[in-house]
C-alpha atoms as a PDB file:
ATOM      1  CA  UNK A   1       0.000   0.000   0.000  1.00  0.00           C
ATOM      2  CA  UNK A   2       1.477   3.413  -0.926  1.00  0.00           C
ATOM      3  CA  UNK A   3       2.487   5.695   1.917  1.00  0.00           C
ATOM      4  CA  UNK A   4       1.289   9.262   2.267  1.00  0.00           C
ATOM      5  CA  UNK A   5       4.781  10.474   1.415  1.00  0.00           C
ATOM      6  CA  UNK A   6       4.859   8.370  -1.746  1.00  0.00           C
ATOM      7  CA  UNK A   7       1.453   9.659  -2.838  1.00  0.00           C
ATOM      8  CA  UNK A   8       2.518  13.240  -2.248  1.00  0.00           C
ATOM      9  CA  UNK A   9       5.712  12.715  -4.254  1.00  0.00           C
ATOM     10  CA  UNK A  10       3.781  11.127  -7.109  1.00  0.00           C
ATOM     11  CA  UNK A  11       1.303  14.005  -7.166  1.00  0.00           C
ATOM     12  CA  UNK A  12       4.159  16.514  -7.192  1.00  0.00           C
ATOM     13  CA  UNK A  13       5.761  14.731 -10.128  1.00  0.00           C
ATOM     14  CA  UNK A  14       2.478  14.677 -12.015  1.00  0.00           C
ATOM     15  CA  UNK A  15       1.837  18.369 -11.261  1.00  0.00           C
ATOM     16  CA  UNK A  16       5.332  19.344 -12.370  1.00  0.00           C
ATOM     17  CA  UNK A  17       4.967  17.359 -15.572  1.00  0.00           C
ATOM     18  CA  UNK A  18       1.670  19.083 -16.428  1.00  0.00           C
ATOM     19  CA  UNK A  19       3.127  22.502 -15.668  1.00  0.00           C
ATOM     20  CA  UNK A  20       6.161  21.882 -17.872  1.00  0.00           C
ATOM     21  CA  UNK A  21       4.003  20.707 -20.761  1.00  0.00           C
ATOM     22  CA  UNK A  22       1.789  23.771 -20.551  1.00  0.00           C
ATOM     23  CA  UNK A  23       4.772  26.119 -20.337  1.00  0.00           C
ATOM     24  CA  UNK A  24       6.459  24.476 -23.307  1.00  0.00           C
ATOM     25  CA  UNK A  25       3.355  24.844 -25.446  1.00  0.00           C
ATOM     26  CA  UNK A  26       2.912  28.536 -24.642  1.00  0.00           C
ATOM     27  CA  UNK A  27       6.450  29.853 -24.394  1.00  0.00           C
ATOM     28  CA  UNK A  28       8.359  27.830 -26.939  1.00  0.00           C
ATOM     29  CA  UNK A  29       5.654  27.734 -29.609  1.00  0.00           C
ATOM     30  CA  UNK A  30       7.323  24.595 -30.830  1.00  0.00           C
ATOM     31  CA  UNK A  31       5.772  21.443 -32.265  1.00  0.00           C
ATOM     32  CA  UNK A  32       2.310  20.525 -31.104  1.00  0.00           C
ATOM     33  CA  UNK A  33       1.991  18.166 -28.166  1.00  0.00           C
ATOM     34  CA  UNK A  34       1.542  14.489 -29.031  1.00  0.00           C
ATOM     35  CA  UNK A  35      -2.088  13.613 -29.645  1.00  0.00           C
ATOM     36  CA  UNK A  36      -2.322  11.416 -26.558  1.00  0.00           C
ATOM     37  CA  UNK A  37      -1.505  14.443 -24.378  1.00  0.00           C
ATOM     38  CA  UNK A  38      -3.775  16.919 -26.126  1.00  0.00           C
ATOM     39  CA  UNK A  39      -6.807  16.253 -23.945  1.00  0.00           C
ATOM     40  CA  UNK A  40      -4.784  16.262 -20.726  1.00  0.00           C
ATOM     41  CA  UNK A  41      -3.172  19.603 -21.580  1.00  0.00           C
ATOM     42  CA  UNK A  42      -6.455  21.284 -22.517  1.00  0.00           C
ATOM     43  CA  UNK A  43      -6.846  24.661 -20.822  1.00  0.00           C
ATOM     44  CA  UNK A  44      -9.029  24.402 -17.742  1.00  0.00           C
ATOM     45  CA  UNK A  45     -12.265  26.403 -17.935  1.00  0.00           C
ATOM     46  CA  UNK A  46     -13.136  28.682 -15.015  1.00  0.00           C
ATOM     47  CA  UNK A  47     -14.868  26.781 -12.208  1.00  0.00           C
ATOM     48  CA  UNK A  48     -16.159  28.536  -9.108  1.00  0.00           C
ATOM     49  CA  UNK A  49     -16.063  26.202  -6.111  1.00  0.00           C
ATOM     50  CA  UNK A  50     -17.975  27.307  -3.047  1.00  0.00           C
ATOM     51  CA  UNK A  51     -17.584  26.720   0.652  1.00  0.00           C
ATOM     52  CA  UNK A  52     -20.255  25.860   3.229  1.00  0.00           C
ATOM     53  CA  UNK A  53     -21.193  29.551   3.499  1.00  0.00           C
ATOM     54  CA  UNK A  54     -21.844  29.780  -0.231  1.00  0.00           C
ATOM     55  CA  UNK A  55     -18.872  32.046  -0.832  1.00  0.00           C
ATOM     56  CA  UNK A  56     -16.299  31.272  -3.567  1.00  0.00           C
ATOM     57  CA  UNK A  57     -13.245  29.290  -2.532  1.00  0.00           C
ATOM     58  CA  UNK A  58      -9.781  30.644  -3.447  1.00  0.00           C
ATOM     59  CA  UNK A  59      -9.005  27.936  -6.001  1.00  0.00           C
ATOM     60  CA  UNK A  60      -8.355  28.769  -9.649  1.00  0.00           C
ATOM     61  CA  UNK A  61      -7.188  25.344 -10.828  1.00  0.00           C
ATOM     62  CA  UNK A  62      -7.621  21.671 -10.034  1.00  0.00           C
ATOM     63  CA  UNK A  63      -4.087  21.398  -8.668  1.00  0.00           C
ATOM     64  CA  UNK A  64      -4.948  23.944  -5.990  1.00  0.00           C
ATOM     65  CA  UNK A  65      -8.041  21.978  -5.017  1.00  0.00           C
ATOM     66  CA  UNK A  66      -6.000  18.763  -4.868  1.00  0.00           C
ATOM     67  CA  UNK A  67      -3.434  20.374  -2.580  1.00  0.00           C
ATOM     68  CA  UNK A  68      -6.206  21.620  -0.292  1.00  0.00           C
ATOM     69  CA  UNK A  69      -7.849  18.191  -0.131  1.00  0.00           C
ATOM     70  CA  UNK A  70      -4.525  16.536   0.740  1.00  0.00           C
ATOM     71  CA  UNK A  71      -3.257  19.064   3.278  1.00  0.00           C
ATOM     72  CA  UNK A  72      -6.325  20.499   4.980  1.00  0.00           C
ATOM     73  CA  UNK A  73      -7.117  19.759   8.610  1.00  0.00           C
ATOM     74  CA  UNK A  74     -10.231  17.691   9.261  1.00  0.00           C
ATOM     75  CA  UNK A  75     -12.463  19.759  11.543  1.00  0.00           C
ATOM     76  CA  UNK A  76     -15.396  17.359  11.576  1.00  0.00           C
ATOM     77  CA  UNK A  77     -16.472  14.018  10.134  1.00  0.00           C
ATOM     78  CA  UNK A  78     -20.079  12.807  10.063  1.00  0.00           C
ATOM     79  CA  UNK A  79     -21.643   9.737   8.425  1.00  0.00           C
ATOM     80  CA  UNK A  80     -23.526  10.173   5.156  1.00  0.00           C
ATOM     81  CA  UNK A  81     -26.841   8.320   5.590  1.00  0.00           C
ATOM     82  CA  UNK A  82     -27.174   7.367   1.925  1.00  0.00           C
ATOM     83  CA  UNK A  83     -25.196   4.356   0.793  1.00  0.00           C
ATOM     84  CA  UNK A  84     -23.914   1.251   2.519  1.00  0.00           C
ATOM     85  CA  UNK A  85     -20.117   1.594   2.524  1.00  0.00           C
ATOM     86  CA  UNK A  86     -19.558   4.111   5.305  1.00  0.00           C
ATOM     87  CA  UNK A  87     -18.889   7.329   3.382  1.00  0.00           C
ATOM     88  CA  UNK A  88     -18.411  10.401   5.567  1.00  0.00           C
ATOM     89  CA  UNK A  89     -18.846  14.121   5.033  1.00  0.00           C
ATOM     90  CA  UNK A  90     -15.803  16.092   6.148  1.00  0.00           C
ATOM     91  CA  UNK A  91     -15.316  19.736   6.980  1.00  0.00           C
ATOM     92  CA  UNK A  92     -11.790  20.736   5.964  1.00  0.00           C
ATOM     93  CA  UNK A  93      -9.791  23.892   6.689  1.00  0.00           C
ATOM     94  CA  UNK A  94      -6.452  25.147   5.397  1.00  0.00           C
ATOM     95  CA  UNK A  95      -5.026  28.683   5.291  1.00  0.00           C
ATOM     96  CA  UNK A  96      -8.380  30.185   6.240  1.00  0.00           C
ATOM     97  CA  UNK A  97     -10.372  28.322   3.565  1.00  0.00           C
ATOM     98  CA  UNK A  98     -13.102  25.890   4.596  1.00  0.00           C
ATOM     99  CA  UNK A  99     -14.804  23.324   2.394  1.00  0.00           C
ATOM    100  CA  UNK A 100     -16.831  20.161   2.674  1.00  0.00           C
ATOM    101  CA  UNK A 101     -15.591  16.915   1.165  1.00  0.00           C
ATOM    102  CA  UNK A 102     -16.572  13.249   0.945  1.00  0.00           C
ATOM    103  CA  UNK A 103     -14.296  10.586   2.431  1.00  0.00           C
ATOM    104  CA  UNK A 104     -14.563   6.996   1.242  1.00  0.00           C
ATOM    105  CA  UNK A 105     -12.306   4.189   2.451  1.00  0.00           C
ATOM    106  CA  UNK A 106     -14.200   1.072   1.374  1.00  0.00           C
ATOM    107  CA  UNK A 107     -12.374  -1.355  -0.934  1.00  0.00           C
ATOM    108  CA  UNK A 108     -13.856  -4.612  -2.154  1.00  0.00           C
ATOM    109  CA  UNK A 109     -12.638  -6.563  -5.185  1.00  0.00           C
ATOM    110  CA  UNK A 110     -14.186  -9.931  -5.946  1.00  0.00           C
ATOM    111  CA  UNK A 111     -15.326 -12.323  -8.664  1.00  0.00           C
ATOM    112  CA  UNK A 112     -18.641 -14.001  -9.365  1.00  0.00           C
ATOM    113  CA  UNK A 113     -20.679 -11.504  -7.370  1.00  0.00           C
ATOM    114  CA  UNK A 114     -24.475 -11.343  -7.351  1.00  0.00           C
ATOM    115  CA  UNK A 115     -25.828  -7.805  -7.008  1.00  0.00           C
ATOM    116  CA  UNK A 116     -28.956  -6.712  -5.189  1.00  0.00           C
ATOM    117  CA  UNK A 117     -30.818  -6.322  -8.495  1.00  0.00           C
ATOM    118  CA  UNK A 118     -30.097  -9.917  -9.523  1.00  0.00           C
ATOM    119  CA  UNK A 119     -27.184  -9.267 -11.868  1.00  0.00           C
ATOM    120  CA  UNK A 120     -24.192 -11.583 -11.686  1.00  0.00           C
ATOM    121  CA  UNK A 121     -20.799 -10.025 -12.396  1.00  0.00           C
ATOM    122  CA  UNK A 122     -17.686 -11.967 -13.332  1.00  0.00           C
ATOM    123  CA  UNK A 123     -15.587  -9.101 -11.916  1.00  0.00           C
ATOM    124  CA  UNK A 124     -16.710  -6.766  -9.149  1.00  0.00           C
ATOM    125  CA  UNK A 125     -15.019  -3.684  -7.764  1.00  0.00           C
ATOM    126  CA  UNK A 126     -16.308  -1.247  -5.138  1.00  0.00           C
ATOM    127  CA  UNK A 127     -13.389   0.959  -4.166  1.00  0.00           C
ATOM    128  CA  UNK A 128     -12.376   4.442  -3.109  1.00  0.00           C
ATOM    129  CA  UNK A 129      -9.655   4.166  -5.746  1.00  0.00           C
ATOM    130  CA  UNK A 130     -12.280   4.314  -8.476  1.00  0.00           C
ATOM    131  CA  UNK A 131     -13.392   7.744  -7.266  1.00  0.00           C
ATOM    132  CA  UNK A 132      -9.940   9.192  -7.839  1.00  0.00           C
ATOM    133  CA  UNK A 133      -9.518   7.309 -11.108  1.00  0.00           C
ATOM    134  CA  UNK A 134     -12.808   8.702 -12.465  1.00  0.00           C
ATOM    135  CA  UNK A 135     -11.652  12.232 -11.672  1.00  0.00           C
ATOM    136  CA  UNK A 136      -8.264  11.790 -13.337  1.00  0.00           C
ATOM    137  CA  UNK A 137      -9.708  10.088 -16.405  1.00  0.00           C
ATOM    138  CA  UNK A 138     -12.337  12.791 -16.826  1.00  0.00           C
ATOM    139  CA  UNK A 139      -9.617  15.417 -17.056  1.00  0.00           C
ATOM    140  CA  UNK A 140      -7.638  13.296 -19.508  1.00  0.00           C
ATOM    141  CA  UNK A 141     -10.743  13.329 -21.693  1.00  0.00           C
ATOM    142  CA  UNK A 142     -11.248  17.074 -21.343  1.00  0.00           C
ATOM    143  CA  UNK A 143     -14.310  16.656 -19.099  1.00  0.00           C
ATOM    144  CA  UNK A 144     -14.684  18.979 -16.130  1.00  0.00           C
ATOM    145  CA  UNK A 145     -17.779  17.689 -14.365  1.00  0.00           C
ATOM    146  CA  UNK A 146     -16.221  15.182 -11.947  1.00  0.00           C
ATOM    147  CA  UNK A 147     -15.167  16.996  -8.738  1.00  0.00           C
ATOM    148  CA  UNK A 148     -11.455  16.817  -7.811  1.00  0.00           C
ATOM    149  CA  UNK A 149     -10.486  13.836  -5.659  1.00  0.00           C
ATOM    150  CA  UNK A 150      -7.257  12.676  -4.047  1.00  0.00           C
ATOM    151  CA  UNK A 151      -5.990   9.752  -2.017  1.00  0.00           C
ATOM    152  CA  UNK A 152      -5.141  10.610   1.569  1.00  0.00           C
ATOM    153  CA  UNK A 153      -5.325   9.248   5.071  1.00  0.00           C
ATOM    154  CA  UNK A 154      -8.041  10.437   7.448  1.00  0.00           C
ATOM    155  CA  UNK A 155      -7.292   9.184  10.914  1.00  0.00           C
ATOM    156  CA  UNK A 156      -5.965   5.671  10.466  1.00  0.00           C
ATOM    157  CA  UNK A 157      -7.841   4.949   7.242  1.00  0.00           C
ATOM    158  CA  UNK A 158      -6.598   5.467   3.695  1.00  0.00           C
ATOM    159  CA  UNK A 159      -9.232   6.524   1.210  1.00  0.00           C
ATOM    160  CA  UNK A 160     -10.435   9.110  -1.274  1.00  0.00           C
ATOM    161  CA  UNK A 161     -11.319  12.691  -0.394  1.00  0.00           C
ATOM    162  CA  UNK A 162     -13.478  14.447  -2.977  1.00  0.00           C
ATOM    163  CA  UNK A 163     -14.628  18.038  -2.956  1.00  0.00           C
ATOM    164  CA  UNK A 164     -18.310  18.520  -2.087  1.00  0.00           C
ATOM    165  CA  UNK A 165     -20.451  20.319  -4.678  1.00  0.00           C
ATOM    166  CA  UNK A 166     -22.329  22.904  -2.633  1.00  0.00           C
ATOM    167  CA  UNK A 167     -25.804  23.998  -3.678  1.00  0.00           C
ATOM    168  CA  UNK A 168     -26.376  21.161  -6.148  1.00  0.00           C
ATOM    169  CA  UNK A 169     -29.488  18.980  -6.230  1.00  0.00           C
ATOM    170  CA  UNK A 170     -29.633  15.307  -7.011  1.00  0.00           C
ATOM    171  CA  UNK A 171     -31.731  13.989  -9.855  1.00  0.00           C
ATOM    172  CA  UNK A 172     -33.840  12.343  -7.144  1.00  0.00           C
ATOM    173  CA  UNK A 173     -34.672  15.740  -5.650  1.00  0.00           C
ATOM    174  CA  UNK A 174     -35.394  17.213  -9.073  1.00  0.00           C
ATOM    175  CA  UNK A 175     -37.858  14.425  -9.799  1.00  0.00           C
ATOM    176  CA  UNK A 176     -39.510  14.368  -6.372  1.00  0.00           C
ATOM    177  CA  UNK A 177     -40.054  18.132  -6.357  1.00  0.00           C
ATOM    178  CA  UNK A 178     -41.181  18.147  -9.984  1.00  0.00           C
ATOM    179  CA  UNK A 179     -38.661  20.835 -10.880  1.00  0.00           C
ATOM    180  CA  UNK A 180     -39.003  21.970 -14.462  1.00  0.00           C
ATOM    181  CA  UNK A 181     -36.086  22.318 -16.850  1.00  0.00           C
ATOM    182  CA  UNK A 182     -36.271  25.728 -18.585  1.00  0.00           C
ATOM    183  CA  UNK A 183     -36.975  25.335 -22.288  1.00  0.00           C
ATOM    184  CA  UNK A 184     -33.777  27.146 -23.259  1.00  0.00           C
ATOM    185  CA  UNK A 185     -31.705  24.633 -21.253  1.00  0.00           C
ATOM    186  CA  UNK A 186     -33.301  21.374 -22.348  1.00  0.00           C
ATOM    187  CA  UNK A 187     -30.744  20.795 -25.120  1.00  0.00           C
ATOM    188  CA  UNK A 188     -27.847  21.634 -22.782  1.00  0.00           C
ATOM    189  CA  UNK A 189     -29.108  19.225 -20.135  1.00  0.00           C
ATOM    190  CA  UNK A 190     -29.727  16.456 -22.668  1.00  0.00           C
ATOM    191  CA  UNK A 191     -26.279  16.747 -24.264  1.00  0.00           C
ATOM    192  CA  UNK A 192     -24.618  16.492 -20.848  1.00  0.00           C
ATOM    193  CA  UNK A 193     -26.648  13.365 -20.163  1.00  0.00           C
ATOM    194  CA  UNK A 194     -25.444  11.778 -23.409  1.00  0.00           C
ATOM    195  CA  UNK A 195     -21.827  12.442 -22.386  1.00  0.00           C
ATOM    196  CA  UNK A 196     -22.482  10.919 -18.961  1.00  0.00           C
ATOM    197  CA  UNK A 197     -23.622   7.697 -20.610  1.00  0.00           C
ATOM    198  CA  UNK A 198     -20.470   7.541 -22.712  1.00  0.00           C
ATOM    199  CA  UNK A 199     -18.322   8.062 -19.617  1.00  0.00           C
ATOM    200  CA  UNK A 200     -20.197   5.443 -17.577  1.00  0.00           C
ATOM    201  CA  UNK A 201     -19.768   2.804 -20.277  1.00  0.00           C
ATOM    202  CA  UNK A 202     -16.095   3.657 -20.605  1.00  0.00           C
ATOM    203  CA  UNK A 203     -15.367   3.223 -16.889  1.00  0.00           C
ATOM    204  CA  UNK A 204     -17.798   0.296 -16.483  1.00  0.00           C
ATOM    205  CA  UNK A 205     -19.921   2.174 -13.969  1.00  0.00           C
ATOM    206  CA  UNK A 206     -22.610  -0.244 -12.782  1.00  0.00           C
ATOM    207  CA  UNK A 207     -24.146   2.092 -10.198  1.00  0.00           C
ATOM    208  CA  UNK A 208     -25.292   5.281 -11.931  1.00  0.00           C
ATOM    209  CA  UNK A 209     -28.579   6.328 -10.374  1.00  0.00           C
ATOM    210  CA  UNK A 210     -30.631   9.424  -9.623  1.00  0.00           C
ATOM    211  CA  UNK A 211     -28.882   9.850  -6.281  1.00  0.00           C
ATOM    212  CA  UNK A 212     -25.406  10.390  -7.769  1.00  0.00           C
ATOM    213  CA  UNK A 213     -26.394  12.729 -10.595  1.00  0.00           C
ATOM    214  CA  UNK A 214     -26.118  16.352  -9.459  1.00  0.00           C
ATOM    215  CA  UNK A 215     -27.488  19.490 -11.125  1.00  0.00           C
ATOM    216  CA  UNK A 216     -26.247  22.966 -10.295  1.00  0.00           C
ATOM    217  CA  UNK A 217     -28.512  25.996 -10.186  1.00  0.00           C
ATOM    218  CA  UNK A 218     -27.485  26.656 -13.814  1.00  0.00           C
ATOM    219  CA  UNK A 219     -28.271  23.039 -14.831  1.00  0.00           C
ATOM    220  CA  UNK A 220     -24.622  22.064 -15.094  1.00  0.00           C
ATOM    221  CA  UNK A 221     -24.174  18.335 -14.536  1.00  0.00           C
ATOM    222  CA  UNK A 222     -21.858  16.982 -11.831  1.00  0.00           C
ATOM    223  CA  UNK A 223     -21.000  13.286 -11.636  1.00  0.00           C
ATOM    224  CA  UNK A 224     -20.145  11.695  -8.285  1.00  0.00           C
ATOM    225  CA  UNK A 225     -19.927   8.305  -6.574  1.00  0.00           C
ATOM    226  CA  UNK A 226     -17.934   6.162  -9.010  1.00  0.00           C
ATOM    227  CA  UNK A 227     -16.781   3.527  -6.530  1.00  0.00           C
ATOM    228  CA  UNK A 228     -18.446   0.684  -8.465  1.00  0.00           C
ATOM    229  CA  UNK A 229     -16.467   1.382 -11.617  1.00  0.00           C
ATOM    230  CA  UNK A 230     -13.302   0.189 -13.375  1.00  0.00           C
ATOM    231  CA  UNK A 231     -13.823  -3.549 -12.801  1.00  0.00           C
ATOM    232  CA  UNK A 232     -12.027  -5.697 -15.381  1.00  0.00           C
ATOM    233  CA  UNK A 233     -15.080  -6.589 -17.482  1.00  0.00           C
ATOM    234  CA  UNK A 234     -14.658  -5.700 -21.157  1.00  0.00           C
ATOM    235  CA  UNK A 235     -18.346  -5.677 -22.079  1.00  0.00           C
ATOM    236  CA  UNK A 236     -20.145  -2.324 -22.014  1.00  0.00           C
ATOM    237  CA  UNK A 237     -22.610  -2.210 -19.104  1.00  0.00           C
ATOM    238  CA  UNK A 238     -25.260  -0.213 -21.001  1.00  0.00           C
ATOM    239  CA  UNK A 239     -24.348   0.143 -24.672  1.00  0.00           C
ATOM    240  CA  UNK A 240     -28.024   0.461 -25.570  1.00  0.00           C
ATOM    241  CA  UNK A 241     -28.074   3.856 -23.811  1.00  0.00           C
ATOM    242  CA  UNK A 242     -25.365   5.303 -26.055  1.00  0.00           C
ATOM    243  CA  UNK A 243     -27.030   7.444 -28.711  1.00  0.00           C
ATOM    244  CA  UNK A 244     -24.941  10.554 -29.266  1.00  0.00           C
ATOM    245  CA  UNK A 245     -21.542  12.015 -28.320  1.00  0.00           C
ATOM    246  CA  UNK A 246     -19.840  15.380 -28.453  1.00  0.00           C
ATOM    247  CA  UNK A 247     -17.159  15.783 -31.103  1.00  0.00           C
ATOM    248  CA  UNK A 248     -14.675  16.792 -28.400  1.00  0.00           C
ATOM    249  CA  UNK A 249     -15.242  13.608 -26.384  1.00  0.00           C
ATOM    250  CA  UNK A 250     -15.263  11.436 -29.516  1.00  0.00           C
ATOM    251  CA  UNK A 251     -11.832  12.766 -30.500  1.00  0.00           C
ATOM    252  CA  UNK A 252     -10.485  12.435 -26.955  1.00  0.00           C
ATOM    253  CA  UNK A 253     -11.596   8.801 -26.799  1.00  0.00           C
ATOM    254  CA  UNK A 254      -9.774   8.085 -30.047  1.00  0.00           C
ATOM    255  CA  UNK A 255      -6.564   9.624 -28.614  1.00  0.00           C
ATOM    256  CA  UNK A 256      -6.675   7.669 -25.370  1.00  0.00           C
ATOM    257  CA  UNK A 257      -3.734   5.286 -25.073  1.00  0.00           C
ATOM    258  CA  UNK A 258      -2.131   2.899 -22.621  1.00  0.00           C
ATOM    259  CA  UNK A 259       0.783   5.178 -21.763  1.00  0.00           C
ATOM    260  CA  UNK A 260      -1.345   8.150 -20.708  1.00  0.00           C
ATOM    261  CA  UNK A 261      -3.702   5.896 -18.749  1.00  0.00           C
ATOM    262  CA  UNK A 262      -0.816   4.198 -16.939  1.00  0.00           C
ATOM    263  CA  UNK A 263       0.508   7.616 -15.939  1.00  0.00           C
ATOM    264  CA  UNK A 264      -2.805   9.029 -14.705  1.00  0.00           C
ATOM    265  CA  UNK A 265      -3.942   5.843 -12.956  1.00  0.00           C
ATOM    266  CA  UNK A 266      -0.598   5.077 -11.345  1.00  0.00           C
ATOM    267  CA  UNK A 267      -0.951   3.501  -7.877  1.00  0.00           C
ATOM    268  CA  UNK A 268      -4.683   3.056  -8.468  1.00  0.00           C
ATOM    269  CA  UNK A 269      -5.022   0.304 -11.074  1.00  0.00           C
ATOM    270  CA  UNK A 270      -2.781  -2.028 -12.989  1.00  0.00           C
ATOM    271  CA  UNK A 271      -2.469  -3.356 -16.501  1.00  0.00           C
ATOM    272  CA  UNK A 272      -5.553  -5.586 -16.322  1.00  0.00           C
ATOM    273  CA  UNK A 273      -7.910  -2.723 -15.490  1.00  0.00           C
ATOM    274  CA  UNK A 274      -6.242  -0.476 -18.073  1.00  0.00           C
ATOM    275  CA  UNK A 275      -6.475  -3.165 -20.755  1.00  0.00           C
ATOM    276  CA  UNK A 276     -10.174  -3.670 -20.004  1.00  0.00           C
ATOM    277  CA  UNK A 277     -10.759   0.084 -20.150  1.00  0.00           C
ATOM    278  CA  UNK A 278      -9.127   0.315 -23.583  1.00  0.00           C
ATOM    279  CA  UNK A 279     -11.241  -2.597 -24.865  1.00  0.00           C
ATOM    280  CA  UNK A 280     -14.364  -0.805 -23.643  1.00  0.00           C
ATOM    281  CA  UNK A 281     -13.119   2.377 -25.307  1.00  0.00           C
ATOM    282  CA  UNK A 282     -12.804   0.507 -28.596  1.00  0.00           C
ATOM    283  CA  UNK A 283     -16.341  -0.821 -28.225  1.00  0.00           C
ATOM    284  CA  UNK A 284     -17.738   2.624 -27.460  1.00  0.00           C
ATOM    285  CA  UNK A 285     -16.081   3.992 -30.599  1.00  0.00           C
ATOM    286  CA  UNK A 286     -17.261   1.022 -32.647  1.00  0.00           C
ATOM    287  CA  UNK A 287     -20.817   1.611 -31.440  1.00  0.00           C
ATOM    288  CA  UNK A 288     -20.665   5.328 -32.266  1.00  0.00           C
ATOM    289  CA  UNK A 289     -19.149   4.725 -35.700  1.00  0.00           C
ATOM    290  CA  UNK A 290     -21.914   2.252 -36.457  1.00  0.00           C
ATOM    291  CA  UNK A 291     -24.501   4.889 -35.530  1.00  0.00           C
ATOM    292  CA  UNK A 292     -22.719   7.444 -37.732  1.00  0.00           C
ATOM    293  CA  UNK A 293     -22.738   5.019 -40.665  1.00  0.00           C
ATOM    294  CA  UNK A 294     -26.474   4.447 -40.248  1.00  0.00           C
ATOM    295  CA  UNK A 295     -27.677   7.959 -39.322  1.00  0.00           C
ATOM    296  CA  UNK A 296     -24.980  10.363 -40.508  1.00  0.00           C
ATOM    297  CA  UNK A 297     -22.362  12.261 -38.518  1.00  0.00           C
ATOM    298  CA  UNK A 298     -24.514  15.268 -37.658  1.00  0.00           C
ATOM    299  CA  UNK A 299     -27.216  13.020 -36.213  1.00  0.00           C
ATOM    300  CA  UNK A 300     -24.735  11.452 -33.793  1.00  0.00           C
ATOM    301  CA  UNK A 301     -21.939  13.945 -33.042  1.00  0.00           C
ATOM    302  CA  UNK A 302     -22.606  17.406 -31.665  1.00  0.00           C
ATOM    303  CA  UNK A 303     -20.782  20.460 -30.346  1.00  0.00           C
ATOM    304  CA  UNK A 304     -21.034  20.882 -26.582  1.00  0.00           C
ATOM    305  CA  UNK A 305     -21.102  24.511 -25.530  1.00  0.00           C
ATOM    306  CA  UNK A 306     -22.527  25.815 -22.277  1.00  0.00           C
ATOM    307  CA  UNK A 307     -25.280  28.457 -22.574  1.00  0.00           C
ATOM    308  CA  UNK A 308     -24.120  32.042 -22.144  1.00  0.00           C
ATOM    309  CA  UNK A 309     -26.641  32.584 -19.348  1.00  0.00           C
ATOM    310  CA  UNK A 310     -28.820  30.227 -17.393  1.00  0.00           C
ATOM    311  CA  UNK A 311     -31.710  30.881 -15.008  1.00  0.00           C
ATOM    312  CA  UNK A 312     -31.842  29.249 -11.598  1.00  0.00           C
ATOM    313  CA  UNK A 313     -33.890  26.154 -10.866  1.00  0.00           C
ATOM    314  CA  UNK A 314     -37.592  26.903 -10.986  1.00  0.00           C
ATOM    315  CA  UNK A 315     -39.820  26.242  -8.004  1.00  0.00           C
ATOM    316  CA  UNK A 316     -42.360  23.425  -8.349  1.00  0.00           C
ATOM    317  CA  UNK A 317     -45.287  24.516 -10.469  1.00  0.00           C
ATOM    318  CA  UNK A 318     -48.253  23.208 -12.400  1.00  0.00           C
ATOM    319  CA  UNK A 319     -46.072  23.272 -15.501  1.00  0.00           C
ATOM    320  CA  UNK A 320     -43.466  21.196 -13.705  1.00  0.00           C
ATOM    321  CA  UNK A 321     -46.116  18.694 -12.737  1.00  0.00           C
ATOM    322  CA  UNK A 322     -47.023  18.240 -16.386  1.00  0.00           C
ATOM    323  CA  UNK A 323     -43.407  17.788 -17.463  1.00  0.00           C
ATOM    324  CA  UNK A 324     -41.131  16.724 -14.600  1.00  0.00           C
ATOM    325  CA  UNK A 325     -37.382  16.860 -15.185  1.00  0.00           C
ATOM    326  CA  UNK A 326     -36.628  13.248 -15.991  1.00  0.00           C
ATOM    327  CA  UNK A 327     -33.575  11.833 -17.686  1.00  0.00           C
ATOM    328  CA  UNK A 328     -33.939  11.557 -21.490  1.00  0.00           C
END
């Protein structure tokens, strides 16, 4: 098991490598970065993280959030009632900044497991490591809707610490309160959902549900709780739910390679999990290319751009009752 010092050294090496690549691209104006690094070196869009008081946190980039999650003092730790693996909600503080986070330390890897819904899985994984892996892979693909997560020790337990998304509502809450999606944001919400389905098939996520789909006040999608992902199965868990994909994600999937995955998933997963992920990637691309051949490129691939402005979530209304915000 890696020590805290080893994890910190690895993170420093990874941070330094990313910084050097970005500096080389900007200052030297030399040859373009290799294709397999293009997604990882994509410029980070502005993200405003908020603390428990609703005020913005002083983090401009993911690396700053990661450092906070690793180094902050744990002021409190309370159980999260949802779930069965003992996740806890932390209150962290460092250099005057306070933020909530989720701590998970459960790790279970097995074979021939029967799930609660009757499914039998040849390979089963329910691990805190998958939470960190999902975050790192999302960034490698140029996705920014998985909150930053790191591996660290809390008390005597090693696990994942992931930043809490303040002010977001689960899909469960949206459905129960019959919250309407504004007409001008329906396309935006639907396109994000299509990307989520691509990502879940890629990582072999067998536990996506309304409780781990979060919507911000501007209807931006946040994806959490990926512990039941990255098992070695090569079959896609829900290929029938793949209908469309953004051009950006389609290109990033095609660039994904073993070297970049081994670097980003170091100390989390080994060659078997990476091989299975690449096989699933190939099957996702094969499925999308088949759809393109049948329907045409423009009917399958789309440009994903956030709306310039977005209203806040509506209160429940008669209109919402007629058309509740359900997943497409």
